[in-house]
């Protein structure tokens, strides 16, 4: 980028390592800003350079602590708007509160829409997101949304290690069939579906496997792994059905509660995840392989800034450098 470039990238506290990779991929330094707190815990943000007339890309995953990271994001958007940024492009590698995207029973909120409303009212001009829990969340915004997918990155790992040979891609539920089909297109494999019943939140009971998995390497794909109940029950069901090996993959490694213990004790051989969420050291285990979404998001930012199409990033295997 030239010194006259009006492209600026800022990062808040949720995932600084990823933000640095994104900035390096774009070829610009991270903008200068600071996030501090008043004595009562209120967030204070300072932008330490001029952004007047700039196209700003603001990177923040709304992962745990979700409320703190969301408030940081809203306050920073307000600060950018009041500092006369030309465009405020909000890059959300992991979009929290996305699981409540519709009413499933009486008197429930739709938090995915509420967060979309707050981001817009704060002053966001564009959203760049990665593997939203439900694709229809794009329609909750009245501003442009570029929705990247993690499957081209995950596919690259399996292809580089020849794990697509004699394999089947498995969706852990009916809602993830589209995601599984996308990965299967990259890997040129068939798909299978696990039919499960969920009696209550974060509790899943495996019911049936639709498709042929006996004698095959099973590759489970999901958008996120939270408590790992679904993924580990699915892995055991696949082994019981005759799968020779089980690999698991997801874009967002939330990994809360008993997730690490469950994955460690499960038949999962490797867990392939991205760095959309910054994991503490105690959640990084030997079974885990991390691939970075930094170059992918950096490429998307460059394309948006230069008015180029983002769609090629959805259909091409995205190889790690």
Protein backbone atom coordinates (compact mmCIF):
# COMPACT_ATOMS: atom_id res chain seq x y z
CA UNK A 1 0.00 0.00 0.00
CA UNK A 2 1.21 3.53 -0.75
CA UNK A 3 1.53 6.18 1.92
CA UNK A 4 -1.49 7.90 0.33
CA UNK A 5 -3.66 4.84 0.96
CA UNK A 6 -6.79 5.54 2.94
CA UNK A 7 -7.09 1.91 4.03
CA UNK A 8 -6.67 1.47 7.77
CA UNK A 9 -7.03 -1.66 9.90
CA UNK A 10 -7.76 -1.52 13.62
CA UNK A 11 -8.04 -4.34 16.12
CA UNK A 12 -9.62 -4.58 19.53
CA UNK A 13 -8.78 -7.09 22.27
CA UNK A 14 -10.57 -10.30 21.30
CA UNK A 15 -8.05 -11.68 18.79
CA UNK A 16 -4.94 -9.53 18.31
CA UNK A 17 -2.82 -12.42 16.88
CA UNK A 18 -5.34 -12.94 14.06
CA UNK A 19 -5.57 -9.19 13.44
CA UNK A 20 -1.80 -9.03 13.00
CA UNK A 21 -1.95 -11.83 10.42
CA UNK A 22 -4.74 -10.05 8.56
CA UNK A 23 -2.84 -6.76 8.52
CA UNK A 24 0.31 -8.53 7.29
CA UNK A 25 -1.70 -10.18 4.49
CA UNK A 26 -3.10 -6.81 3.40
CA UNK A 27 0.27 -5.10 3.73
CA UNK A 28 -0.63 -2.32 6.16
CA UNK A 29 0.24 -1.87 9.85
CA UNK A 30 -2.42 -2.11 12.51
CA UNK A 31 -3.83 1.27 13.45
CA UNK A 32 -2.89 2.86 16.75
CA UNK A 33 -5.58 2.68 19.39
CA UNK A 34 -5.94 1.72 23.02
CA UNK A 35 -8.64 0.07 25.11
CA UNK A 36 -8.62 0.85 28.82
CA UNK A 37 -11.16 0.74 31.62
CA UNK A 38 -12.45 3.19 34.16
CA UNK A 39 -12.29 2.09 37.78
CA UNK A 40 -15.90 0.83 37.65
CA UNK A 41 -15.17 -1.38 34.62
CA UNK A 42 -16.55 0.87 31.89
CA UNK A 43 -14.64 0.64 28.61
CA UNK A 44 -12.68 3.63 27.31
CA UNK A 45 -11.29 3.68 23.77
CA UNK A 46 -8.81 6.11 22.25
CA UNK A 47 -7.86 6.29 18.57
CA UNK A 48 -4.30 7.58 18.42
CA UNK A 49 -4.07 8.58 14.75
CA UNK A 50 -6.15 10.50 12.22
CA UNK A 51 -8.77 8.47 10.36
CA UNK A 52 -10.60 11.34 8.66
CA UNK A 53 -11.82 10.19 5.25
CA UNK A 54 -10.34 6.69 5.71
CA UNK A 55 -11.79 3.32 4.78
CA UNK A 56 -11.48 1.59 8.15
CA UNK A 57 -11.63 -2.17 8.70
CA UNK A 58 -12.23 -2.98 12.35
CA UNK A 59 -11.43 -6.54 13.50
CA UNK A 60 -13.20 -8.03 16.51
CA UNK A 61 -14.55 -11.51 17.26
CA UNK A 62 -17.46 -11.38 19.67
CA UNK A 63 -16.24 -14.49 21.48
CA UNK A 64 -15.89 -14.98 25.24
CA UNK A 65 -16.12 -12.74 27.17
CA UNK A 66 -18.91 -12.04 24.70
CA UNK A 67 -20.49 -9.01 26.34
CA UNK A 68 -17.16 -7.25 26.91
CA UNK A 69 -16.02 -7.84 23.34
CA UNK A 70 -19.37 -6.74 21.92
CA UNK A 71 -19.32 -3.51 23.94
CA UNK A 72 -15.72 -2.83 22.85
CA UNK A 73 -16.87 -3.21 19.25
CA UNK A 74 -19.90 -0.92 19.59
CA UNK A 75 -17.90 1.78 21.38
CA UNK A 76 -15.10 1.64 18.79
CA UNK A 77 -17.60 1.94 15.91
CA UNK A 78 -19.05 5.04 17.60
CA UNK A 79 -15.56 6.49 18.03
CA UNK A 80 -14.70 5.87 14.37
CA UNK A 81 -17.92 7.48 13.19
CA UNK A 82 -17.37 10.57 15.35
CA UNK A 83 -13.78 10.80 14.08
CA UNK A 84 -15.07 11.15 10.48
CA UNK A 85 -14.08 7.78 9.03
CA UNK A 86 -15.36 7.54 5.46
CA UNK A 87 -16.44 3.89 5.74
CA UNK A 88 -16.56 1.62 8.78
CA UNK A 89 -16.18 -2.01 7.73
CA UNK A 90 -16.64 -4.36 10.68
CA UNK A 91 -14.75 -7.65 10.37
CA UNK A 92 -16.27 -10.29 12.68
CA UNK A 93 -14.40 -13.61 12.38
CA UNK A 94 -16.76 -15.09 15.00
CA UNK A 95 -20.25 -13.62 15.39
CA UNK A 96 -21.53 -14.22 18.93
CA UNK A 97 -25.22 -14.50 19.86
CA UNK A 98 -25.83 -16.11 16.45
CA UNK A 99 -27.45 -19.31 17.74
CA UNK A 100 -30.72 -17.53 18.57
CA UNK A 101 -31.60 -16.66 14.97
CA UNK A 102 -35.33 -17.44 15.23
CA UNK A 103 -38.04 -18.07 17.80
CA UNK A 104 -38.31 -21.77 18.63
CA UNK A 105 -40.73 -21.29 21.54
CA UNK A 106 -42.92 -18.55 22.97
CA UNK A 107 -41.37 -15.39 24.43
CA UNK A 108 -37.84 -16.01 23.12
CA UNK A 109 -35.58 -13.20 21.88
CA UNK A 110 -33.84 -13.24 18.50
CA UNK A 111 -30.40 -12.14 19.64
CA UNK A 112 -28.72 -12.48 16.24
CA UNK A 113 -31.06 -9.77 14.93
CA UNK A 114 -30.62 -7.64 18.05
CA UNK A 115 -26.83 -7.62 17.60
CA UNK A 116 -27.26 -6.75 13.91
CA UNK A 117 -29.46 -3.79 14.90
CA UNK A 118 -26.90 -2.56 17.44
CA UNK A 119 -24.01 -2.74 14.96
CA UNK A 120 -25.96 -0.75 12.38
CA UNK A 121 -27.18 1.86 14.83
CA UNK A 122 -23.64 2.32 16.14
CA UNK A 123 -22.53 3.24 12.62
CA UNK A 124 -21.23 0.17 10.76
CA UNK A 125 -21.33 0.53 6.95
CA UNK A 126 -20.41 -3.05 6.02
CA UNK A 127 -20.03 -6.42 7.74
CA UNK A 128 -17.40 -9.00 6.80
CA UNK A 129 -18.22 -12.24 8.61
CA UNK A 130 -16.95 -15.81 8.58
CA UNK A 131 -19.23 -18.87 8.70
CA UNK A 132 -22.27 -17.40 10.38
CA UNK A 133 -24.17 -20.00 12.40
CA UNK A 134 -27.16 -19.48 10.10
CA UNK A 135 -26.68 -17.95 6.61
CA UNK A 136 -29.99 -16.07 6.89
CA UNK A 137 -28.36 -13.77 9.48
CA UNK A 138 -27.03 -11.86 6.46
CA UNK A 139 -30.62 -10.74 5.91
CA UNK A 140 -30.81 -9.25 9.41
CA UNK A 141 -28.64 -6.37 8.15
CA UNK A 142 -29.69 -3.51 5.89
CA UNK A 143 -26.05 -2.86 4.96
CA UNK A 144 -23.76 -4.98 2.73
CA UNK A 145 -22.62 -8.28 4.26
CA UNK A 146 -19.77 -10.33 2.82
CA UNK A 147 -20.05 -13.85 4.22
CA UNK A 148 -16.82 -15.86 3.94
CA UNK A 149 -16.73 -19.63 4.48
CA UNK A 150 -14.07 -21.72 6.17
CA UNK A 151 -14.41 -24.85 4.01
CA UNK A 152 -11.76 -23.82 1.42
CA UNK A 153 -9.18 -23.58 4.24
CA UNK A 154 -10.25 -26.78 5.99
CA UNK A 155 -10.29 -28.60 2.65
CA UNK A 156 -6.70 -27.56 2.01
CA UNK A 157 -5.52 -29.32 5.18
CA UNK A 158 -7.27 -32.58 4.28
CA UNK A 159 -6.07 -32.46 0.67
CA UNK A 160 -2.45 -31.66 1.57
CA UNK A 161 -2.40 -34.66 3.90
CA UNK A 162 -4.23 -36.96 1.43
CA UNK A 163 -7.00 -37.56 3.97
CA UNK A 164 -9.70 -37.33 1.31
CA UNK A 165 -8.82 -40.79 0.01
CA UNK A 166 -11.57 -43.31 0.76
CA UNK A 167 -13.29 -40.71 2.95
CA UNK A 168 -16.80 -39.50 3.63
CA UNK A 169 -17.73 -36.01 4.87
CA UNK A 170 -20.24 -36.11 7.71
CA UNK A 171 -22.72 -33.46 8.81
CA UNK A 172 -23.47 -33.76 12.55
CA UNK A 173 -27.08 -32.63 11.96
CA UNK A 174 -29.55 -31.83 9.19
CA UNK A 175 -28.84 -28.10 9.43
CA UNK A 176 -25.20 -28.55 8.44
CA UNK A 177 -25.80 -30.52 5.22
CA UNK A 178 -24.97 -27.53 2.99
CA UNK A 179 -21.67 -27.03 4.80
CA UNK A 180 -20.80 -30.72 4.51
CA UNK A 181 -21.69 -30.75 0.84
CA UNK A 182 -19.40 -27.79 0.21
CA UNK A 183 -16.43 -29.55 1.85
CA UNK A 184 -17.28 -32.77 0.02
CA UNK A 185 -17.14 -30.89 -3.31
CA UNK A 186 -13.59 -29.79 -2.51
CA UNK A 187 -12.56 -33.27 -1.35
CA UNK A 188 -14.56 -35.13 -4.03
CA UNK A 189 -16.15 -37.46 -1.50
CA UNK A 190 -19.71 -38.56 -0.67
CA UNK A 191 -21.52 -37.21 2.39
CA UNK A 192 -23.36 -38.74 5.33
CA UNK A 193 -25.74 -37.15 7.85
CA UNK A 194 -26.19 -37.84 11.53
CA UNK A 195 -29.80 -37.63 12.64
CA UNK A 196 -29.90 -36.55 16.26
CA UNK A 197 -32.44 -35.43 18.82
CA UNK A 198 -31.54 -32.58 21.19
CA UNK A 199 -33.61 -32.83 24.41
CA UNK A 200 -32.28 -29.49 25.72
CA UNK A 201 -29.52 -26.92 25.06
CA UNK A 202 -25.99 -28.37 24.83
CA UNK A 203 -27.30 -31.94 25.14
CA UNK A 204 -27.45 -34.11 22.04
CA UNK A 205 -28.46 -37.72 21.59
CA UNK A 206 -27.31 -39.56 18.48
CA UNK A 207 -30.15 -41.38 16.73
CA UNK A 208 -29.14 -42.62 13.28
CA UNK A 209 -26.56 -42.32 10.50
CA UNK A 210 -27.83 -41.63 7.00
CA UNK A 211 -25.25 -42.73 4.45
CA UNK A 212 -22.45 -45.29 4.11
CA UNK A 213 -19.51 -44.90 6.52
CA UNK A 214 -18.35 -48.49 7.08
CA UNK A 215 -14.68 -48.95 6.12
CA UNK A 216 -14.25 -45.23 5.41
CA UNK A 217 -12.40 -42.33 6.98
CA UNK A 218 -15.08 -40.03 8.39
CA UNK A 219 -14.53 -36.25 8.35
CA UNK A 220 -17.09 -34.38 10.48
CA UNK A 221 -17.56 -30.68 9.74
CA UNK A 222 -19.49 -28.10 11.78
CA UNK A 223 -19.48 -24.32 11.97
CA UNK A 224 -18.62 -24.32 15.69
CA UNK A 225 -17.79 -26.70 18.52
CA UNK A 226 -18.99 -25.44 21.88
CA UNK A 227 -19.21 -28.08 24.63
CA UNK A 228 -18.24 -30.81 22.10
CA UNK A 229 -21.17 -33.02 23.12
CA UNK A 230 -22.53 -33.34 19.58
CA UNK A 231 -19.17 -33.87 17.89
CA UNK A 232 -17.89 -36.52 20.31
CA UNK A 233 -21.16 -38.46 20.30
CA UNK A 234 -21.09 -38.31 16.51
CA UNK A 235 -17.50 -39.59 16.45
CA UNK A 236 -18.40 -42.56 18.64
CA UNK A 237 -21.47 -43.34 16.53
CA UNK A 238 -19.32 -43.33 13.38
CA UNK A 239 -16.79 -45.70 14.93
CA UNK A 240 -19.62 -47.98 16.05
CA UNK A 241 -20.94 -47.93 12.46
CA UNK A 242 -17.58 -49.13 11.11
CA UNK A 243 -15.65 -45.96 10.24
CA UNK A 244 -11.89 -46.66 10.21
CA UNK A 245 -10.86 -43.18 11.44
CA UNK A 246 -12.71 -40.07 12.54
CA UNK A 247 -11.50 -36.52 11.97
CA UNK A 248 -13.44 -33.47 13.13
CA UNK A 249 -13.29 -29.93 11.83
CA UNK A 250 -14.93 -26.60 12.51
CA UNK A 251 -14.42 -22.93 11.78
CA UNK A 252 -15.09 -21.65 15.31
CA UNK A 253 -13.50 -23.51 18.27
CA UNK A 254 -15.62 -22.12 21.12
CA UNK A 255 -14.62 -25.09 23.32
CA UNK A 256 -16.41 -24.18 26.53
CA UNK A 257 -17.09 -26.24 29.65
CA UNK A 258 -16.10 -29.92 29.28
CA UNK A 259 -15.16 -29.63 25.58
CA UNK A 260 -11.42 -30.28 25.89
CA UNK A 261 -11.86 -33.29 28.16
CA UNK A 262 -14.53 -34.75 25.88
CA UNK A 263 -12.41 -34.33 22.75
CA UNK A 264 -9.33 -35.76 24.46
CA UNK A 265 -11.23 -38.88 25.52
CA UNK A 266 -13.09 -39.30 22.21
CA UNK A 267 -12.15 -41.42 19.17
CA UNK A 268 -11.44 -38.23 17.19
CA UNK A 269 -7.95 -38.59 15.70
CA UNK A 270 -7.42 -34.93 14.79
CA UNK A 271 -9.50 -31.79 15.33
CA UNK A 272 -8.92 -29.21 12.59
CA UNK A 273 -9.99 -25.66 13.50
CA UNK A 274 -9.29 -22.08 12.41
CA UNK A 275 -8.01 -19.20 14.53
CA UNK A 276 -11.26 -17.19 14.29
CA UNK A 277 -11.27 -17.38 18.12
CA UNK A 278 -8.08 -16.79 20.06
CA UNK A 279 -7.60 -19.90 22.19
CA UNK A 280 -5.82 -19.84 25.56
CA UNK A 281 -2.93 -22.27 25.93
CA UNK A 282 -4.93 -24.68 28.10
CA UNK A 283 -7.36 -25.27 25.23
CA UNK A 284 -4.68 -26.18 22.70
CA UNK A 285 -4.21 -29.95 22.76
CA UNK A 286 -2.11 -32.43 20.77
CA UNK A 287 -5.13 -33.54 18.73
CA UNK A 288 -5.73 -30.00 17.49
CA UNK A 289 -4.54 -28.54 14.18
CA UNK A 290 -5.05 -24.80 13.66
CA UNK A 291 -5.21 -23.19 10.22
CA UNK A 292 -5.24 -19.42 9.97
CA UNK A 293 -8.04 -17.43 8.37
CA UNK A 294 -5.74 -14.37 8.33
CA UNK A 295 -4.72 -14.60 4.66
CA UNK A 296 -8.30 -15.35 3.57
CA UNK A 297 -9.76 -12.35 5.43
CA UNK A 298 -6.84 -10.19 4.31
CA UNK A 299 -7.54 -11.13 0.70
CA UNK A 300 -11.22 -10.27 1.19
CA UNK A 301 -10.35 -6.87 2.68
CA UNK A 302 -8.08 -6.04 -0.26
CA UNK A 303 -10.79 -7.04 -2.72
CA UNK A 304 -13.45 -4.96 -0.96
CA UNK A 305 -11.16 -1.92 -0.76
CA UNK A 306 -10.25 -2.22 -4.46
CA UNK A 307 -13.87 -2.83 -5.55
CA UNK A 308 -13.06 -6.36 -6.72
CA UNK A 309 -15.36 -9.41 -6.39
CA UNK A 310 -15.13 -11.50 -3.24
CA UNK A 311 -16.97 -14.49 -4.75
CA UNK A 312 -13.81 -16.29 -6.03
CA UNK A 313 -12.87 -16.91 -2.38
CA UNK A 314 -15.92 -19.17 -1.97
CA UNK A 315 -15.16 -21.63 -4.76
CA UNK A 316 -11.38 -21.99 -4.77
CA UNK A 317 -9.30 -24.13 -2.41
CA UNK A 318 -7.48 -21.59 -0.23
CA UNK A 319 -3.97 -22.95 0.25
CA UNK A 320 -1.94 -22.08 3.34
CA UNK A 321 1.30 -20.36 2.43
